[in-house]
Amino acid sequence: MGILRLAHVDVRTPDLDLSTAYYTEVMGLQQVQRTEDAVYLKCWDEEDHHSLRMRYHPRTGMDSFTFRVEAEDDLADFENRVEAYGCPTTRVSRGEAVGQGESLRFEVPSGQIMELVWDIEKTGNLLGKHNPSPTPPPDLPGIAPPRMDHMLVNAEEVAESARFFIDVLGLRMTEQVLDGNGHQLGVWLAGRTNSPHDIAIVNGPNGALHHWAYWLDDWDHIRQAADTLAFNGVQIDQGPTRHGVTRGNTIYFFDPLGIRNEVFTGGYWVDPDTEILTWTEDNFGKGLFYYENVVSQRFLRMHT
């Protein structure tokens, strides 16, 4: 039994056309499907039906986030474990959600709605499976990341949320930030990937989304992304810079409705027996933004 990876993020937008234009023309995602009130998008190297769903709603926010499990039977096992922890669960039947089969839905201790799913519709990437090119078509618009990488949510009680994701859902902690009393201010967690994180949890209001991130292949692609963002007048929040935590290279910026995005590359290989890295609060400036060595309160406090 195990959680493999982040599958998709579902958000609300009061301007579906504007959001769609940004994510297709500036971010360079592929529009997979559009209904009366929702748009489904993916990156060029993703196999699943979509990694981002946006639906119309007068208020911007996150509906839910979904992780894929390793086997179909895992849904029943996780259902028992989540219920035993004290979180009620709901089964979402096949056909209720576009691009996937039955899923398990519940509210995590920090207030966000999470789903687990095994059966995901596979629509393939842009490269195909027969003599594929190693690179996408050169005329893709915008930044054109190959895949979604990770996300970060907020929690008023980081330690409680970390226990749930580790003890109940089976994720591994790779890094943590501790205050002077040894309390967790932030944790970085990985599923079955070898990434330093598939999801991170940092102190903040329950229910909040801080950002989700797209993977780029190297630092030069980060620089090109910065050029694309600047050319299109996108508000850059932080970067280009480097994290101490995860060792990743990064830019943070906002979509037109105020949701924070990130492009990310680098990091380090995480094995199942890799020891946890710990940062202390007095050195978290370097952990957060290694070059600047500053704890940006705007960065930490602005959320969706």
Protein backbone atom coordinates (compact mmCIF):
# COMPACT_ATOMS: atom_id res chain seq x y z
CA MET A 1 0.00 0.00 0.00
CA GLY A 2 1.30 3.43 -0.81
CA ILE A 3 0.78 6.89 -2.22
CA LEU A 4 2.66 7.37 -5.46
CA ARG A 5 2.51 11.06 -6.37
CA LEU A 6 0.47 14.21 -6.80
CA ALA A 7 -2.16 13.63 -9.50
CA HIS A 8 -4.05 16.91 -9.85
CA VAL A 9 -5.07 20.15 -8.16
CA ASP A 10 -8.63 21.52 -8.43
CA VAL A 11 -9.15 25.26 -8.03
CA ARG A 12 -11.87 27.91 -8.41
CA THR A 13 -11.63 31.07 -10.52
CA PRO A 14 -14.06 33.96 -11.03
CA ASP A 15 -12.77 34.48 -14.59
CA LEU A 16 -12.44 31.15 -16.37
CA ASP A 17 -11.48 32.68 -19.72
CA LEU A 18 -8.71 34.84 -18.24
CA SER A 19 -7.34 31.95 -16.18
CA THR A 20 -7.43 29.64 -19.19
CA ALA A 21 -5.58 32.18 -21.33
CA TYR A 22 -2.86 32.55 -18.68
CA TYR A 23 -2.33 28.81 -18.13
CA THR A 24 -2.28 27.98 -21.85
CA GLU A 25 -0.43 31.01 -23.28
CA VAL A 26 1.93 32.02 -20.45
CA MET A 27 2.41 28.76 -18.55
CA GLY A 28 2.09 26.77 -21.79
CA LEU A 29 -0.21 24.01 -20.56
CA GLN A 30 -2.34 21.89 -22.88
CA GLN A 31 -6.12 22.33 -22.72
CA VAL A 32 -7.53 18.81 -22.60
CA GLN A 33 -11.24 19.42 -22.13
CA ARG A 34 -13.68 22.24 -21.45
CA THR A 35 -17.20 22.01 -20.07
CA GLU A 36 -19.74 24.72 -19.36
CA ASP A 37 -18.09 25.69 -16.09
CA ALA A 38 -14.67 23.98 -15.99
CA VAL A 39 -11.39 23.61 -17.88
CA TYR A 40 -8.96 20.66 -17.65
CA LEU A 41 -5.26 21.21 -18.33
CA LYS A 42 -2.03 19.23 -18.35
CA CYS A 43 1.67 19.56 -19.13
CA TRP A 44 3.16 18.22 -22.34
CA ASP A 45 4.88 15.19 -20.77
CA GLU A 46 2.06 14.11 -18.46
CA GLU A 47 0.22 10.86 -19.16
CA ASP A 48 -2.89 11.45 -17.04
CA HIS A 49 -6.02 13.14 -18.33
CA HIS A 50 -5.22 16.37 -16.47
CA SER A 51 -3.17 17.80 -13.61
CA LEU A 52 -5.13 21.03 -13.15
CA ARG A 53 -8.87 21.54 -13.10
CA MET A 54 -10.26 25.06 -12.91
CA ARG A 55 -13.96 25.69 -12.40
CA TYR A 56 -15.92 28.91 -12.37
CA HIS A 57 -16.80 30.30 -8.94
CA PRO A 58 -17.18 33.90 -7.75
CA ARG A 59 -14.41 33.37 -5.20
CA THR A 60 -10.87 32.18 -5.97
CA GLY A 61 -9.70 29.18 -3.95
CA MET A 62 -8.79 25.52 -3.91
CA ASP A 63 -11.49 22.85 -4.03
CA SER A 64 -9.22 19.86 -3.42
CA PHE A 65 -5.99 18.10 -4.28
CA THR A 66 -5.60 14.49 -5.37
CA PHE A 67 -2.83 11.93 -4.98
CA ARG A 68 -2.62 8.64 -6.86
CA VAL A 69 -2.26 5.40 -4.92
CA GLU A 70 -0.28 2.35 -6.00
CA ALA A 71 -3.10 -0.22 -6.28
CA GLU A 72 -6.88 -0.26 -6.48
CA ASP A 73 -7.20 -2.11 -3.15
CA ASP A 74 -5.31 0.71 -1.44
CA LEU A 75 -8.46 2.84 -1.41
CA ALA A 76 -10.17 0.49 1.06
CA ASP A 77 -7.06 0.26 3.23
CA PHE A 78 -6.66 4.04 3.35
CA GLU A 79 -10.38 4.41 4.01
CA ASN A 80 -10.01 2.30 7.15
CA ARG A 81 -6.89 4.14 8.30
CA VAL A 82 -8.29 7.63 7.72
CA GLU A 83 -11.57 6.72 9.47
CA ALA A 84 -9.66 5.20 12.39
CA TYR A 85 -7.75 8.47 12.77
CA GLY A 86 -11.06 10.28 13.12
CA CYS A 87 -11.51 11.86 9.70
CA PRO A 88 -14.81 10.98 7.97
CA THR A 89 -14.46 9.78 4.37
CA THR A 90 -16.67 9.83 1.28
CA ARG A 91 -16.49 7.64 -1.80
CA VAL A 92 -16.76 9.56 -5.08
CA SER A 93 -18.22 7.20 -7.66
CA ARG A 94 -16.90 6.58 -11.15
CA GLY A 95 -18.42 9.14 -13.49
CA GLU A 96 -18.76 11.91 -10.91
CA ALA A 97 -15.35 13.37 -11.73
CA VAL A 98 -13.86 13.86 -15.21
CA GLY A 99 -10.79 11.82 -16.07
CA GLN A 100 -10.82 9.36 -13.20
CA GLY A 101 -12.69 6.50 -11.58
CA GLU A 102 -13.73 6.01 -7.98
CA SER A 103 -11.88 8.06 -5.38
CA LEU A 104 -11.74 8.52 -1.63
CA ARG A 105 -12.38 12.05 -0.32
CA PHE A 106 -11.72 13.42 3.16
CA GLU A 107 -10.68 16.55 5.01
CA VAL A 108 -7.11 16.49 6.35
CA PRO A 109 -6.42 17.88 9.85
CA SER A 110 -5.34 21.23 8.39
CA GLY A 111 -8.71 21.72 6.70
CA GLN A 112 -7.98 21.08 3.01
CA ILE A 113 -10.00 18.52 1.03
CA MET A 114 -7.86 15.65 -0.23
CA GLU A 115 -8.69 12.78 -2.54
CA LEU A 116 -6.97 9.48 -3.23
CA VAL A 117 -7.50 7.75 -6.56
CA TRP A 118 -6.09 4.77 -8.42
CA ASP A 119 -8.10 4.63 -11.66
CA ILE A 120 -6.99 7.61 -13.79
CA GLU A 121 -7.73 8.01 -17.48
CA LYS A 122 -4.48 7.92 -19.44
CA THR A 123 -4.48 10.19 -22.49
CA GLY A 124 -0.73 10.15 -23.14
CA ASN A 125 1.85 12.88 -23.58
CA LEU A 126 2.72 14.87 -26.71
CA LEU A 127 5.63 12.61 -27.60
CA GLY A 128 3.82 9.32 -28.13
CA LYS A 129 5.14 5.80 -27.51
CA HIS A 130 6.67 4.87 -30.87
CA ASN A 131 10.11 6.30 -31.66
CA PRO A 132 9.38 9.35 -29.49
CA SER A 133 11.35 12.58 -29.66
CA PRO A 134 13.22 13.39 -26.42
CA THR A 135 11.94 16.98 -26.57
CA PRO A 136 8.54 18.59 -27.16
CA PRO A 137 7.66 20.52 -30.32
CA PRO A 138 9.69 23.75 -30.43
CA ASP A 139 6.63 25.94 -31.05
CA LEU A 140 4.90 25.31 -27.70
CA PRO A 141 3.76 28.61 -26.21
CA GLY A 142 4.89 30.05 -22.91
CA ILE A 143 7.02 28.31 -20.28
CA ALA A 144 5.75 24.82 -21.23
CA PRO A 145 6.84 22.75 -18.20
CA PRO A 146 6.91 18.97 -18.68
CA ARG A 147 4.99 18.18 -15.50
CA MET A 148 3.51 19.35 -12.25
CA ASP A 149 5.93 18.64 -9.41
CA HIS A 150 4.61 19.39 -5.91
CA MET A 151 2.40 21.60 -3.78
CA LEU A 152 2.50 23.39 -0.42
CA VAL A 153 -0.41 23.87 1.97
CA ASN A 154 -0.73 25.70 5.27
CA ALA A 155 -1.59 24.33 8.71
CA GLU A 156 -2.07 25.97 12.08
CA GLU A 157 -0.66 22.84 13.76
CA VAL A 158 2.10 21.61 11.47
CA ALA A 159 3.07 18.69 13.72
CA GLU A 160 -0.49 17.32 13.78
CA SER A 161 -0.75 17.52 10.00
CA ALA A 162 2.68 15.92 9.59
CA ARG A 163 1.66 13.00 11.82
CA PHE A 164 -1.44 12.42 9.70
CA PHE A 165 0.44 12.40 6.40
CA ILE A 166 3.21 10.19 7.81
CA ASP A 167 1.40 7.79 10.17
CA VAL A 168 -1.90 7.47 8.27
CA LEU A 169 -0.99 8.11 4.63
CA GLY A 170 2.53 6.71 4.74
CA LEU A 171 4.51 9.64 3.35
CA ARG A 172 8.17 10.13 4.32
CA MET A 173 9.53 13.29 5.87
CA THR A 174 12.63 14.57 4.10
CA GLU A 175 13.16 17.95 5.80
CA GLN A 176 11.76 19.99 8.67
CA VAL A 177 12.08 23.44 10.25
CA LEU A 178 12.00 23.64 14.06
CA ASP A 179 11.50 26.67 16.28
CA GLY A 180 13.53 27.29 19.43
CA ASN A 181 11.28 24.95 21.41
CA GLY A 182 11.57 22.09 18.94
CA HIS A 183 8.10 22.62 17.42
CA GLN A 184 7.72 22.03 13.71
CA LEU A 185 7.18 25.16 11.62
CA GLY A 186 7.36 23.33 8.32
CA VAL A 187 7.76 19.81 6.94
CA TRP A 188 8.57 18.45 3.47
CA LEU A 189 7.07 15.07 2.59
CA ALA A 190 7.55 12.58 -0.26
CA GLY A 191 5.50 9.64 -1.53
CA ARG A 192 7.00 6.91 -3.72
CA THR A 193 8.99 9.41 -5.80
CA ASN A 194 12.66 10.18 -5.20
CA SER A 195 11.95 13.90 -4.96
CA PRO A 196 12.67 15.92 -1.80
CA HIS A 197 8.94 16.63 -1.63
CA ASP A 198 5.59 15.91 -3.22
CA ILE A 199 3.81 18.06 -0.64
CA ALA A 200 5.03 20.49 2.00
CA ILE A 201 3.17 21.86 5.02
CA VAL A 202 4.12 25.22 6.53
CA ASN A 203 2.60 27.14 9.42
CA GLY A 204 -0.35 29.27 8.36
CA PRO A 205 -4.15 29.34 8.36
CA ASN A 206 -5.97 26.03 8.08
CA GLY A 207 -7.50 25.31 4.69
CA ALA A 208 -5.09 27.54 2.78
CA LEU A 209 -3.16 26.75 -0.39
CA HIS A 210 0.26 28.37 -0.60
CA HIS A 211 1.27 27.23 -4.11
CA TRP A 212 1.74 24.39 -6.53
CA ALA A 213 4.88 23.97 -8.62
CA TYR A 214 5.87 22.92 -12.13
CA TRP A 215 9.10 21.10 -12.89
CA LEU A 216 11.64 22.52 -15.33
CA ASP A 217 14.70 20.60 -16.47
CA ASP A 218 17.52 22.95 -15.48
CA TRP A 219 18.58 26.42 -14.34
CA ASP A 220 18.61 27.75 -17.91
CA HIS A 221 14.92 26.89 -18.22
CA ILE A 222 14.31 28.80 -14.97
CA ARG A 223 16.00 31.85 -16.53
CA GLN A 224 13.92 31.47 -19.69
CA ALA A 225 10.79 31.22 -17.55
CA ALA A 226 11.71 34.50 -15.87
CA ASP A 227 12.03 36.13 -19.29
CA THR A 228 8.61 34.79 -20.31
CA LEU A 229 7.01 36.02 -17.08
CA ALA A 230 8.54 39.47 -17.38
CA PHE A 231 7.57 39.78 -21.05
CA ASN A 232 3.96 38.96 -20.19
CA GLY A 233 3.81 41.31 -17.22
CA VAL A 234 3.33 38.55 -14.65
CA GLN A 235 3.94 39.60 -11.03
CA ILE A 236 7.03 37.79 -9.73
CA ASP A 237 6.89 37.09 -6.02
CA GLN A 238 10.41 35.71 -5.40
CA GLY A 239 13.38 34.77 -7.54
CA PRO A 240 14.96 33.55 -9.65
CA THR A 241 16.79 32.19 -6.62
CA ARG A 242 17.63 29.02 -4.74
CA HIS A 243 16.17 27.25 -1.73
CA GLY A 244 18.33 25.85 1.04
CA VAL A 245 15.49 23.46 1.88
CA THR A 246 15.29 20.93 -1.01
CA ARG A 247 18.30 22.69 -2.73
CA GLY A 248 15.94 23.59 -5.58
CA ASN A 249 16.18 26.53 -7.97
CA THR A 250 12.96 28.48 -8.17
CA ILE A 251 10.73 31.37 -9.20
CA TYR A 252 7.44 32.19 -7.48
CA PHE A 253 4.78 34.27 -9.22
CA PHE A 254 1.04 34.86 -9.30
CA ASP A 255 -1.61 33.96 -11.83
CA PRO A 256 -4.08 36.73 -12.81
CA LEU A 257 -6.47 35.85 -9.99
CA GLY A 258 -3.82 35.78 -7.27
CA ILE A 259 -2.96 32.08 -6.99
CA ARG A 260 0.76 31.55 -6.45
CA ASN A 261 2.62 29.31 -8.92
CA GLU A 262 6.22 28.11 -8.85
CA VAL A 263 8.66 26.75 -11.40
CA PHE A 264 11.25 24.48 -9.79
CA THR A 265 14.31 22.48 -10.73
CA GLY A 266 17.21 20.79 -9.00
CA GLY A 267 16.87 19.32 -5.56
CA TYR A 268 18.46 16.06 -4.55
CA TRP A 269 17.77 12.32 -4.81
CA VAL A 270 15.84 10.88 -1.87
CA ASP A 271 16.10 7.18 -1.03
CA PRO A 272 13.77 5.42 1.43
CA ASP A 273 16.56 5.40 4.03
CA THR A 274 17.65 9.02 3.53
CA GLU A 275 17.92 10.75 6.90
CA ILE A 276 15.74 13.77 7.70
CA LEU A 277 17.38 17.17 7.28
CA THR A 278 16.60 19.69 10.02
CA TRP A 279 16.71 23.49 9.84
CA THR A 280 16.50 25.72 12.90
CA GLU A 281 14.33 28.83 12.94
CA ASP A 282 17.34 31.14 13.28
CA ASN A 283 18.75 29.78 9.98
CA PHE A 284 15.49 29.52 8.08
CA GLY A 285 16.35 32.61 6.02
CA LYS A 286 18.94 30.52 4.17
CA GLY A 287 16.59 27.55 4.14
CA LEU A 288 13.88 29.58 2.48
CA PHE A 289 15.92 31.70 0.05
CA TYR A 290 19.57 30.71 0.22
CA TYR A 291 21.05 33.63 -1.71
CA GLU A 292 19.05 36.35 0.02
CA ASN A 293 19.14 34.78 3.53
CA VAL A 294 15.86 36.46 4.45
CA VAL A 295 12.54 35.23 5.84
CA SER A 296 10.02 37.01 3.64
CA GLN A 297 6.85 37.53 5.66
CA ARG A 298 4.92 38.40 2.51
CA PHE A 299 5.94 35.10 0.99
CA LEU A 300 4.94 33.16 4.10
CA ARG A 301 1.67 34.98 4.83
CA MET A 302 0.13 35.39 1.35
CA HIS A 303 -1.98 32.38 0.43
CA THR A 304 -5.14 31.31 -1.39
